[in-house]
Protein backbone atom coordinates (compact mmCIF):
# COMPACT_ATOMS: atom_id res chain seq x y z
CA UNK A 1 61.02 32.92 91.58
CA UNK A 2 62.91 30.01 90.03
CA UNK A 3 63.73 30.16 86.36
CA UNK A 4 62.00 27.38 84.39
CA UNK A 5 64.19 24.51 83.26
CA UNK A 6 64.94 24.23 79.56
CA UNK A 7 65.77 21.18 77.51
CA UNK A 8 69.00 21.38 75.52
CA UNK A 9 71.20 18.98 73.59
CA UNK A 10 74.74 18.62 74.93
CA UNK A 11 76.87 17.36 72.01
CA UNK A 12 80.11 17.48 74.03
CA UNK A 13 78.75 14.87 76.47
CA UNK A 14 76.76 12.82 73.98
CA UNK A 15 77.51 9.75 71.93
CA UNK A 16 75.79 10.90 68.74
CA UNK A 17 73.89 14.16 69.04
CA UNK A 18 73.75 14.88 72.75
CA UNK A 19 70.00 14.28 73.04
CA UNK A 20 70.28 11.68 75.81
CA UNK A 21 72.83 13.76 77.72
CA UNK A 22 70.45 16.71 77.58
CA UNK A 23 67.50 14.60 78.67
CA UNK A 24 69.58 13.19 81.52
CA UNK A 25 70.44 16.67 82.74
CA UNK A 26 66.84 17.85 82.37
CA UNK A 27 65.34 14.83 84.17
CA UNK A 28 68.20 14.44 86.69
CA UNK A 29 68.77 10.90 85.43
CA UNK A 30 71.70 8.88 84.15
CA UNK A 31 72.11 9.43 80.37
CA UNK A 32 73.16 5.79 79.98
CA UNK A 33 69.71 4.64 81.12
CA UNK A 34 68.06 7.01 78.66
CA UNK A 35 70.30 5.70 75.85
CA UNK A 36 69.34 2.15 76.79
CA UNK A 37 65.66 3.10 76.69
CA UNK A 38 66.03 4.57 73.18
CA UNK A 39 67.85 1.43 71.98
CA UNK A 40 65.22 -0.86 73.47
CA UNK A 41 62.42 1.18 71.87
CA UNK A 42 64.25 1.04 68.54
CA UNK A 43 64.79 -2.73 68.74
CA UNK A 44 61.18 -3.30 69.80
CA UNK A 45 60.05 -1.79 66.52
CA UNK A 46 58.55 1.33 68.00
CA UNK A 47 59.45 4.88 67.10
CA UNK A 48 62.56 5.22 69.33
CA UNK A 49 64.81 6.05 66.39
CA UNK A 50 62.40 8.58 64.94
CA UNK A 51 61.89 10.29 68.30
CA UNK A 52 65.66 10.59 68.76
CA UNK A 53 66.13 11.95 65.22
CA UNK A 54 63.34 14.52 65.60
CA UNK A 55 64.68 15.64 68.98
CA UNK A 56 68.14 15.96 67.41
CA UNK A 57 66.67 18.37 64.86
CA UNK A 58 64.32 20.30 67.16
CA UNK A 59 66.07 20.60 70.55
CA UNK A 60 68.59 23.47 70.61
CA UNK A 61 72.23 23.03 71.57
CA UNK A 62 73.08 24.17 75.10
CA UNK A 63 74.79 27.57 74.99
CA UNK A 64 78.33 27.64 76.33
CA UNK A 65 78.79 29.20 79.77
CA UNK A 66 81.81 31.27 78.77
């Protein structure tokens, strides 16, 4: 049986906290598009900044594969 996917932050690949890089890996999407979505939500006055900040605090950092 397949192991369930887990959401992690990837600070080494991220611009600020690695949240968008982790979401991109989890969703199999381009992290740049996810970053753009967060910026657009933030500029539109919605909670894009708060969601990013909360995810930065809550989502664990991806363990190294050493």
